[in-house]
C-alpha atoms as a PDB file:
ATOM      1  CA  MET A   1      16.809   0.078  -0.791  1.00  0.00           C
ATOM      2  CA  SER A   2      13.064  -0.389  -0.985  1.00  0.00           C
ATOM      3  CA  LEU A   3       9.930   1.182   0.406  1.00  0.00           C
ATOM      4  CA  SER A   4       8.861  -0.064   3.812  1.00  0.00           C
ATOM      5  CA  THR A   5       5.937   0.939   5.973  1.00  0.00           C
ATOM      6  CA  VAL A   6       6.616   3.377   8.785  1.00  0.00           C
ATOM      7  CA  PRO A   7       5.535   1.701  12.066  1.00  0.00           C
ATOM      8  CA  GLY A   8       2.135   2.908  13.232  1.00  0.00           C
ATOM      9  CA  LYS A   9       1.352   4.618   9.909  1.00  0.00           C
ATOM     10  CA  ILE A  10      -1.472   2.451   8.596  1.00  0.00           C
ATOM     11  CA  LYS A  11      -4.858   4.175   8.713  1.00  0.00           C
ATOM     12  CA  LEU A  12      -8.291   3.367   7.328  1.00  0.00           C
ATOM     13  CA  TYR A  13     -10.077   6.227   5.545  1.00  0.00           C
ATOM     14  CA  GLY A  14     -13.511   5.514   4.146  1.00  0.00           C
ATOM     15  CA  SER A  15     -13.203   2.805   1.530  1.00  0.00           C
ATOM     16  CA  HIS A  16      -9.412   2.648   1.392  1.00  0.00           C
ATOM     17  CA  ALA A  17      -6.319   2.440   3.572  1.00  0.00           C
ATOM     18  CA  ILE A  18      -3.382   4.813   3.635  1.00  0.00           C
ATOM     19  CA  LEU A  19       0.137   3.698   4.477  1.00  0.00           C
ATOM     20  CA  VAL A  20       3.123   5.971   4.890  1.00  0.00           C
ATOM     21  CA  MET A  21       6.227   4.275   3.537  1.00  0.00           C
ATOM     22  CA  SER A  22       9.821   5.379   3.569  1.00  0.00           C
ATOM     23  CA  GLU A  23      13.022   4.738   1.707  1.00  0.00           C
ATOM     24  CA  GLY A  24      15.967   6.429   3.347  1.00  0.00           C
ATOM     25  CA  GLY A  25      14.843  10.009   3.986  1.00  0.00           C
ATOM     26  CA  LEU A  26      12.040   9.889   1.402  1.00  0.00           C
ATOM     27  CA  TYR A  27       8.423   9.385   2.446  1.00  0.00           C
ATOM     28  CA  GLN A  28       5.719   8.143   0.091  1.00  0.00           C
ATOM     29  CA  THR A  29       1.987   7.850   0.672  1.00  0.00           C
ATOM     30  CA  VAL A  30       0.503   4.586  -0.560  1.00  0.00           C
ATOM     31  CA  CYS A  31      -3.229   3.938  -0.825  1.00  0.00           C
ATOM     32  CA  ILE A  32      -4.847   0.515  -0.901  1.00  0.00           C
ATOM     33  CA  SER A  33      -8.225   0.689  -2.634  1.00  0.00           C
ATOM     34  CA  ASN A  34     -11.231  -1.101  -1.209  1.00  0.00           C
ATOM     35  CA  ASP A  35     -11.074  -3.824  -3.873  1.00  0.00           C
ATOM     36  CA  ALA A  36      -7.485  -4.661  -2.876  1.00  0.00           C
ATOM     37  CA  MET A  37      -8.119  -4.905   0.869  1.00  0.00           C
ATOM     38  CA  PRO A  38      -7.720  -8.320   2.493  1.00  0.00           C
ATOM     39  CA  ALA A  39     -10.929 -10.291   1.978  1.00  0.00           C
ATOM     40  CA  GLY A  40     -12.743 -11.874   4.883  1.00  0.00           C
ATOM     41  CA  GLU A  41     -10.882  -9.947   7.567  1.00  0.00           C
ATOM     42  CA  SER A  42     -12.836  -8.685  10.560  1.00  0.00           C
ATOM     43  CA  ASP A  43      -9.948  -6.351  11.446  1.00  0.00           C
ATOM     44  CA  LEU A  44      -8.723  -4.789   8.197  1.00  0.00           C
ATOM     45  CA  VAL A  45      -5.606  -3.220   9.726  1.00  0.00           C
ATOM     46  CA  GLN A  46      -4.479  -6.619  11.018  1.00  0.00           C
ATOM     47  CA  GLY A  47      -5.212  -8.126   7.597  1.00  0.00           C
ATOM     48  CA  ILE A  48      -3.059  -5.463   5.967  1.00  0.00           C
ATOM     49  CA  ILE A  49      -0.268  -6.136   8.460  1.00  0.00           C
ATOM     50  CA  ARG A  50      -0.445  -9.884   7.706  1.00  0.00           C
ATOM     51  CA  ASN A  51      -0.111  -9.102   3.975  1.00  0.00           C
ATOM     52  CA  LEU A  52       2.274  -6.176   4.390  1.00  0.00           C
ATOM     53  CA  ARG A  53       5.152  -7.722   2.423  1.00  0.00           C
ATOM     54  CA  VAL A  54       2.870  -8.143  -0.607  1.00  0.00           C
ATOM     55  CA  TYR A  55       1.633  -4.549  -0.406  1.00  0.00           C
ATOM     56  CA  GLU A  56       5.152  -3.199   0.165  1.00  0.00           C
ATOM     57  CA  GLY A  57       6.467  -5.160  -2.832  1.00  0.00           C
ATOM     58  CA  ILE A  58       3.753  -3.806  -5.104  1.00  0.00           C
ATOM     59  CA  ALA A  59       4.228  -0.250  -3.831  1.00  0.00           C
ATOM     60  CA  ASP A  60       7.994  -0.455  -4.266  1.00  0.00           C
ATOM     61  CA  ARG A  61       7.683  -1.733  -7.841  1.00  0.00           C
ATOM     62  CA  LYS A  62       5.111   0.889  -8.815  1.00  0.00           C
ATOM     63  CA  PHE A  63       7.154   3.676  -7.195  1.00  0.00           C
ATOM     64  CA  ALA A  64      10.360   2.558  -8.930  1.00  0.00           C
ATOM     65  CA  ASP A  65       8.491   2.445 -12.263  1.00  0.00           C
ATOM     66  CA  GLY A  66       7.140   5.973 -11.700  1.00  0.00           C
ATOM     67  CA  GLN A  67       3.542   4.772 -11.504  1.00  0.00           C
ATOM     68  CA  LEU A  68       2.267   7.609  -9.350  1.00  0.00           C
ATOM     69  CA  ALA A  69      -1.354   8.723  -9.555  1.00  0.00           C
ATOM     70  CA  TYR A  70      -2.520  12.256 -10.239  1.00  0.00           C
ATOM     71  CA  ASP A  71      -2.319  12.962  -6.495  1.00  0.00           C
ATOM     72  CA  GLY A  72       1.330  11.867  -6.231  1.00  0.00           C
ATOM     73  CA  ARG A  73       0.451   8.698  -4.353  1.00  0.00           C
ATOM     74  CA  VAL A  74       0.970   5.080  -5.255  1.00  0.00           C
ATOM     75  CA  TRP A  75      -2.414   3.373  -5.504  1.00  0.00           C
ATOM     76  CA  ILE A  76      -2.728  -0.392  -5.080  1.00  0.00           C
ATOM     77  CA  THR A  77      -5.848  -1.902  -6.651  1.00  0.00           C
ATOM     78  CA  SER A  78      -7.094  -5.446  -7.138  1.00  0.00           C
ATOM     79  CA  SER A  79      -5.456  -5.587 -10.577  1.00  0.00           C
ATOM     80  CA  ASP A  80      -2.075  -5.226  -8.857  1.00  0.00           C
ATOM     81  CA  LEU A  81      -2.770  -8.352  -6.800  1.00  0.00           C
ATOM     82  CA  MET A  82      -3.499 -10.551  -9.818  1.00  0.00           C
ATOM     83  CA  PRO A  83      -0.623 -12.384 -11.494  1.00  0.00           C
ATOM     84  CA  HIS A  84       0.321 -10.836 -14.840  1.00  0.00           C
END
């Protein structure tokens, strides 16, 4: 199984977005920092939805690797979007 976004649970808060993702009965909050938001989008939520598979893949990998931030959330930043 892998993390997937709960329908209707994408919200913009200040300079970042928050997604609620689930895997089975587990829920995980994922934050997308401002520098990792879709560039050139007039509607950021729609831009996130268009790129949702990318964000979900990154969140799933980071969650599986235990890469949780101090607040217990998975944070996606621009460095996560760059090829390693």
